[in-house]
Amino acid sequence: MKIAVMGAGAVGGYFGGVLANSGEDVTLIARGAHGEAISQNGLNVDSHWGNFTVNVPATPDPAEVGNVDVVLHCVKLYSNAEVLPLIKPMVGESTTILTIQNGVTSGETIAAEYGWGRVLQGATYIEAAIIGPGHIEQSGSTAHIEFGENDGSMSERVERLKNVLDRPGIQVSVSSDIVSTLWTKLVAVGAFGTVMTAARASLPEVLAGPEGETTIRTVMEEIVAVGKSQGISFAPGVVDEKLQGGIEEAEEFKSSLQYDLTNGKPLELDDILGAVVQKGRAADIPVPASAALVMTLEKFKHGS
């Protein structure tokens, strides 16, 4: 299977590197010093399952790749408007675009450009970082991709892709309700990351404050309320489960939103908690805590 990773940063680079190291035909779309280092010296991956270097093609230009079977779409949400037209040379009649971006809007955005027949939605759970050009570090025992068809069916393309992704160093599962899966992930991502970013504090620091845990819980409850208004099914006790999971992993918890703010990069604000606020207002669901956080970060969303 011919695979292109669109946005081979920490997350995309990790998954692409594992697949290439397992013998798959992978090309990484990566720019700047990171992409140049991969082209010249290979991709170095340090992971929970061991370290390796793999020689894998890397290019900043998708037009050089040609049609592929799968585009693993990993760019930041705010880059979709710029990037989606660029992947057209890689998209043939039988190409599947698997998005593992954050939030709940990515699939609709890509389908508006290429049609649902070419799109699969997914969620990923992984801690990874670029620690130097061409060098990715993954930590923890989780590097999970969960994806599926909108109707929950085990289609031929889902089965084929599951078999390709199921490698040592990647856990893969198929969701029977991928939209609910994405909203369930958003309960944690939209609350923890946005509160930490607005507070300019680590999760332990947030939780140590007098209103930290209460604020996180309130935002989670707002996300669930908005999700339910969209017909989403959540497991009973989802807020308690996600909150407790974050508390238990607080020392290791990282927020990509906070990283981007700290480094003057644009923020995935509009498509994560911003989307919750927008959908909540449209459904007449009160979201005061979420709206306050979005307002606090609004002026930073384009970077510095």
Protein backbone atom coordinates (compact mmCIF):
# COMPACT_ATOMS: atom_id res chain seq x y z
CA MET A 1 0.00 0.00 0.00
CA LYS A 2 1.33 3.42 -0.99
CA ILE A 3 0.97 5.90 1.87
CA ALA A 4 1.64 9.62 2.11
CA VAL A 5 1.77 11.38 5.47
CA MET A 6 0.55 14.95 5.09
CA GLY A 7 2.16 16.89 7.89
CA ALA A 8 4.96 14.62 9.09
CA GLY A 9 5.62 16.43 12.34
CA ALA A 10 5.72 14.65 15.67
CA VAL A 11 2.53 12.62 15.32
CA GLY A 12 2.49 12.07 11.57
CA GLY A 13 6.23 11.49 11.50
CA TYR A 14 5.96 8.86 14.22
CA PHE A 15 3.22 6.86 12.53
CA GLY A 16 4.82 7.25 9.11
CA GLY A 17 8.18 6.21 10.50
CA VAL A 18 6.79 3.07 12.11
CA LEU A 19 4.99 2.09 8.90
CA ALA A 20 8.08 2.72 6.78
CA ASN A 21 10.23 0.76 9.22
CA SER A 22 7.74 -2.11 8.86
CA GLY A 23 8.23 -2.19 5.10
CA GLU A 24 5.34 -0.05 3.85
CA ASP A 25 5.80 2.34 0.90
CA VAL A 26 5.66 5.66 2.76
CA THR A 27 6.44 9.23 1.73
CA LEU A 28 6.53 11.99 4.33
CA ILE A 29 5.36 15.49 3.41
CA ALA A 30 7.56 17.65 5.61
CA ARG A 31 8.98 21.13 5.24
CA GLY A 32 11.95 23.10 6.52
CA ALA A 33 14.89 21.77 8.49
CA HIS A 34 12.90 18.76 9.69
CA GLY A 35 12.12 17.60 6.14
CA GLU A 36 15.65 18.30 4.94
CA ALA A 37 17.15 16.28 7.80
CA ILE A 38 14.90 13.31 7.01
CA SER A 39 15.91 13.43 3.33
CA GLN A 40 19.60 13.62 4.13
CA ASN A 41 19.97 11.38 7.19
CA GLY A 42 16.74 9.40 7.55
CA LEU A 43 14.12 9.69 10.27
CA ASN A 44 15.23 8.96 13.83
CA VAL A 45 12.51 7.70 16.16
CA ASP A 46 12.87 7.12 19.91
CA SER A 47 9.87 5.25 21.28
CA HIS A 48 8.51 3.16 24.11
CA TRP A 49 9.08 0.10 21.93
CA GLY A 50 12.66 0.90 20.95
CA ASN A 51 14.68 3.33 18.85
CA PHE A 52 15.28 3.14 15.12
CA THR A 53 16.39 5.10 12.08
CA VAL A 54 14.58 4.58 8.79
CA ASN A 55 15.42 5.94 5.35
CA VAL A 56 12.11 7.26 4.08
CA PRO A 57 11.44 9.70 1.23
CA ALA A 58 10.50 13.20 2.37
CA THR A 59 9.39 16.16 0.30
CA PRO A 60 7.68 19.51 0.92
CA ASP A 61 5.73 19.15 -2.35
CA PRO A 62 2.83 16.66 -2.58
CA ALA A 63 2.86 17.03 -6.37
CA GLU A 64 6.12 15.04 -6.44
CA VAL A 65 4.45 11.97 -4.93
CA GLY A 66 1.68 11.08 -7.37
CA ASN A 67 -1.46 9.10 -6.53
CA VAL A 68 -1.38 7.11 -3.29
CA ASP A 69 -3.68 4.60 -1.65
CA VAL A 70 -3.83 6.46 1.66
CA VAL A 71 -3.19 10.03 2.75
CA LEU A 72 -2.68 10.13 6.52
CA HIS A 73 -3.75 13.70 7.21
CA CYS A 74 -1.96 15.09 10.26
CA VAL A 75 -1.54 18.84 9.72
CA LYS A 76 -2.82 21.36 12.22
CA LEU A 77 -6.49 22.23 11.77
CA TYR A 78 -5.77 25.86 10.95
CA SER A 79 -3.71 24.71 7.94
CA ASN A 80 -6.57 22.91 6.19
CA ALA A 81 -7.58 25.85 4.00
CA GLU A 82 -4.03 26.12 2.65
CA VAL A 83 -3.14 22.43 2.57
CA LEU A 84 -6.22 20.63 1.26
CA PRO A 85 -5.87 21.90 -2.32
CA LEU A 86 -2.19 20.90 -2.29
CA ILE A 87 -2.91 17.20 -1.73
CA LYS A 88 -5.00 16.93 -4.91
CA PRO A 89 -2.12 15.42 -6.99
CA MET A 90 -1.97 12.52 -4.49
CA VAL A 91 -5.71 11.81 -4.60
CA GLY A 92 -6.86 9.28 -7.18
CA GLU A 93 -10.15 7.47 -7.68
CA SER A 94 -9.43 4.92 -4.93
CA THR A 95 -7.48 7.11 -2.50
CA THR A 96 -8.59 7.24 1.13
CA ILE A 97 -7.82 10.32 3.22
CA LEU A 98 -7.66 9.33 6.90
CA THR A 99 -7.74 12.40 9.10
CA ILE A 100 -6.46 12.07 12.65
CA GLN A 101 -6.67 15.79 13.39
CA ASN A 102 -8.08 17.08 16.64
CA GLY A 103 -11.66 18.24 17.06
CA VAL A 104 -14.89 17.18 15.36
CA THR A 105 -14.91 19.31 12.19
CA SER A 106 -12.02 17.88 10.19
CA GLY A 107 -13.93 15.17 8.34
CA GLU A 108 -16.62 17.57 7.14
CA THR A 109 -13.99 20.06 5.98
CA ILE A 110 -12.07 17.48 3.94
CA ALA A 111 -15.25 15.88 2.58
CA ALA A 112 -16.39 19.29 1.30
CA GLU A 113 -13.27 19.25 -0.89
CA TYR A 114 -12.99 15.57 -1.83
CA GLY A 115 -16.30 13.88 -0.92
CA TRP A 116 -17.10 11.43 1.87
CA GLY A 117 -16.25 8.53 -0.44
CA ARG A 118 -12.58 9.44 -0.02
CA VAL A 119 -12.61 10.39 3.67
CA LEU A 120 -12.34 8.44 6.91
CA GLN A 121 -12.37 10.12 10.31
CA GLY A 122 -10.06 9.06 13.10
CA ALA A 123 -8.79 9.99 16.53
CA THR A 124 -5.28 9.47 17.82
CA TYR A 125 -3.96 9.16 21.35
CA ILE A 126 -0.19 9.64 21.55
CA GLU A 127 2.51 11.70 23.25
CA ALA A 128 5.16 12.66 20.70
CA ALA A 129 7.48 15.59 20.05
CA ILE A 130 10.11 16.70 17.57
CA ILE A 131 13.28 16.97 19.65
CA GLY A 132 15.48 17.97 16.72
CA PRO A 133 15.31 18.11 12.93
CA GLY A 134 14.54 14.60 11.70
CA HIS A 135 14.28 13.28 15.27
CA ILE A 136 11.00 12.29 16.95
CA GLU A 137 10.48 11.14 20.51
CA GLN A 138 7.37 9.17 21.47
CA SER A 139 6.71 8.50 25.16
CA GLY A 140 4.31 6.25 27.04
CA SER A 141 2.74 2.95 26.09
CA THR A 142 -0.02 4.48 23.96
CA ALA A 143 0.21 5.22 20.22
CA HIS A 144 -3.37 4.53 19.26
CA ILE A 145 -5.41 5.31 16.15
CA GLU A 146 -9.17 4.72 16.27
CA PHE A 147 -11.08 5.29 13.05
CA GLY A 148 -14.16 4.20 11.15
CA GLU A 149 -16.88 4.79 8.60
CA ASN A 150 -19.59 7.29 9.48
CA ASP A 151 -22.18 4.50 9.40
CA GLY A 152 -20.08 2.23 11.61
CA SER A 153 -19.70 -0.47 8.98
CA MET A 154 -16.61 -2.65 8.56
CA SER A 155 -16.08 -1.66 4.95
CA GLU A 156 -13.39 -3.14 2.73
CA ARG A 157 -11.28 0.01 2.95
CA VAL A 158 -11.54 0.08 6.75
CA GLU A 159 -10.48 -3.56 7.00
CA ARG A 160 -7.53 -3.07 4.62
CA LEU A 161 -6.34 0.03 6.45
CA LYS A 162 -6.70 -1.60 9.85
CA ASN A 163 -4.45 -4.44 8.70
CA VAL A 164 -1.85 -1.99 7.42
CA LEU A 165 -1.81 0.11 10.60
CA ASP A 166 -1.70 -2.86 12.98
CA ARG A 167 2.07 -2.93 13.57
CA PRO A 168 4.30 -3.11 16.65
CA GLY A 169 4.35 0.45 17.95
CA ILE A 170 0.81 1.26 16.79
CA GLN A 171 -2.44 0.21 18.42
CA VAL A 172 -5.40 0.39 16.05
CA SER A 173 -9.12 -0.05 16.56
CA VAL A 174 -12.24 0.46 14.48
CA SER A 175 -15.03 2.57 15.95
CA SER A 176 -18.66 1.64 15.38
CA ASP A 177 -19.60 5.29 16.07
CA ILE A 178 -16.68 7.44 15.01
CA VAL A 179 -18.48 10.76 15.49
CA SER A 180 -19.17 9.91 19.14
CA THR A 181 -15.56 8.77 19.46
CA LEU A 182 -14.34 12.17 18.28
CA TRP A 183 -16.66 14.04 20.66
CA THR A 184 -15.57 11.83 23.55
CA LYS A 185 -11.94 12.69 22.88
CA LEU A 186 -12.93 16.36 22.64
CA VAL A 187 -14.28 16.22 26.21
CA ALA A 188 -10.68 15.88 27.41
CA VAL A 189 -8.77 17.77 24.73
CA GLY A 190 -11.12 20.76 24.66
CA ALA A 191 -11.09 21.16 28.44
CA PHE A 192 -7.59 20.31 29.69
CA GLY A 193 -5.63 21.92 26.87
CA THR A 194 -7.64 25.13 26.72
CA VAL A 195 -7.67 25.70 30.48
CA MET A 196 -3.92 25.05 30.72
CA THR A 197 -3.24 27.40 27.81
CA ALA A 198 -5.42 30.21 29.12
CA ALA A 199 -3.86 29.84 32.59
CA ARG A 200 -0.28 29.57 31.22
CA ALA A 201 0.15 26.71 33.67
CA SER A 202 0.89 22.99 33.75
CA LEU A 203 -1.93 20.64 34.63
CA PRO A 204 -0.62 20.06 38.18
CA GLU A 205 -0.51 23.84 38.66
CA VAL A 206 -4.07 24.20 37.34
CA LEU A 207 -5.35 21.44 39.61
CA ALA A 208 -3.59 22.96 42.63
CA GLY A 209 -5.51 26.21 42.19
CA PRO A 210 -8.79 26.77 44.04
CA GLU A 211 -10.94 26.77 40.88
CA GLY A 212 -8.83 24.60 38.56
CA GLU A 213 -10.63 21.28 38.81
CA THR A 214 -14.04 22.97 38.90
CA THR A 215 -13.27 24.94 35.75
CA ILE A 216 -12.11 21.86 33.87
CA ARG A 217 -15.19 19.92 34.96
CA THR A 218 -17.48 22.77 33.91
CA VAL A 219 -15.94 22.96 30.43
CA MET A 220 -16.24 19.18 30.07
CA GLU A 221 -19.91 19.34 31.06
CA GLU A 222 -20.51 22.08 28.49
CA ILE A 223 -18.86 19.99 25.75
CA VAL A 224 -21.04 17.01 26.65
CA ALA A 225 -24.19 19.16 26.66
CA VAL A 226 -23.39 20.55 23.22
CA GLY A 227 -22.50 17.10 21.92
CA LYS A 228 -25.81 15.69 23.10
CA SER A 229 -27.60 18.49 21.27
CA GLN A 230 -25.89 17.19 18.11
CA GLY A 231 -27.16 13.66 18.71
CA ILE A 232 -23.91 12.34 20.19
CA SER A 233 -23.97 9.36 22.56
CA PHE A 234 -21.57 9.56 25.49
CA ALA A 235 -20.77 6.76 27.90
CA PRO A 236 -22.26 7.24 31.39
CA GLY A 237 -19.86 9.09 33.65
CA VAL A 238 -17.68 10.31 30.76
CA VAL A 239 -16.82 13.58 32.54
CA ASP A 240 -15.74 11.79 35.73
CA GLU A 241 -13.70 9.29 33.70
CA LYS A 242 -11.88 11.92 31.61
CA LEU A 243 -11.28 14.18 34.60
CA GLN A 244 -9.89 11.34 36.72
CA GLY A 245 -7.69 10.17 33.85
CA GLY A 246 -6.20 13.63 33.52
CA ILE A 247 -5.62 13.92 37.26
CA GLU A 248 -3.81 10.57 37.31
CA GLU A 249 -1.56 11.56 34.39
CA ALA A 250 -1.19 15.23 35.33
CA GLU A 251 2.61 15.18 35.68
CA GLU A 252 3.05 13.84 32.14
CA PHE A 253 0.13 15.67 30.51
CA LYS A 254 1.10 17.92 27.60
CA SER A 255 -1.07 20.28 25.58
CA SER A 256 -0.29 20.97 21.92
CA LEU A 257 -2.39 24.15 22.18
CA GLN A 258 -0.21 25.37 25.05
CA TYR A 259 2.96 24.44 23.15
CA ASP A 260 1.79 26.46 20.15
CA LEU A 261 0.95 29.51 22.29
CA THR A 262 4.32 29.36 24.05
CA ASN A 263 6.14 29.19 20.72
CA GLY A 264 4.14 31.92 19.00
CA LYS A 265 2.41 29.55 16.59
CA PRO A 266 -1.22 29.76 15.45
CA LEU A 267 -3.73 28.02 17.69
CA GLU A 268 -6.22 25.26 16.90
CA LEU A 269 -8.84 27.31 18.70
CA ASP A 270 -11.71 27.75 16.24
CA ASP A 271 -11.97 24.04 15.42
CA ILE A 272 -11.71 22.70 18.98
CA LEU A 273 -13.36 24.63 21.82
CA GLY A 274 -14.37 27.39 19.41
CA ALA A 275 -16.48 24.86 17.49
CA VAL A 276 -18.17 23.83 20.75
CA VAL A 277 -19.08 27.45 21.48
CA GLN A 278 -20.39 27.99 17.97
CA LYS A 279 -22.49 24.81 17.93
CA GLY A 280 -23.69 25.47 21.47
CA ARG A 281 -24.97 28.93 20.64
CA ALA A 282 -26.67 27.62 17.49
CA ALA A 283 -28.45 24.99 19.61
CA ASP A 284 -29.21 27.48 22.43
CA ILE A 285 -26.99 25.57 24.88
CA PRO A 286 -25.28 27.79 27.52
CA VAL A 287 -21.48 27.59 27.27
CA PRO A 288 -20.21 30.49 29.42
CA ALA A 289 -17.00 28.84 30.65
CA SER A 290 -16.00 27.67 27.17
CA ALA A 291 -16.84 31.05 25.66
CA ALA A 292 -14.71 32.83 28.27
CA LEU A 293 -11.71 30.63 27.45
CA VAL A 294 -12.11 31.14 23.71
CA MET A 295 -12.41 34.91 24.24
CA THR A 296 -9.25 34.90 26.39
CA LEU A 297 -7.21 33.19 23.66
CA GLU A 298 -8.82 34.82 20.61
CA LYS A 299 -6.13 37.44 20.06
CA PHE A 300 -3.41 34.77 20.02
CA LYS A 301 -5.00 32.38 17.53
CA HIS A 302 -3.02 33.67 14.52
CA GLY A 303 0.32 33.38 16.30
CA SER A 304 2.94 36.05 16.77
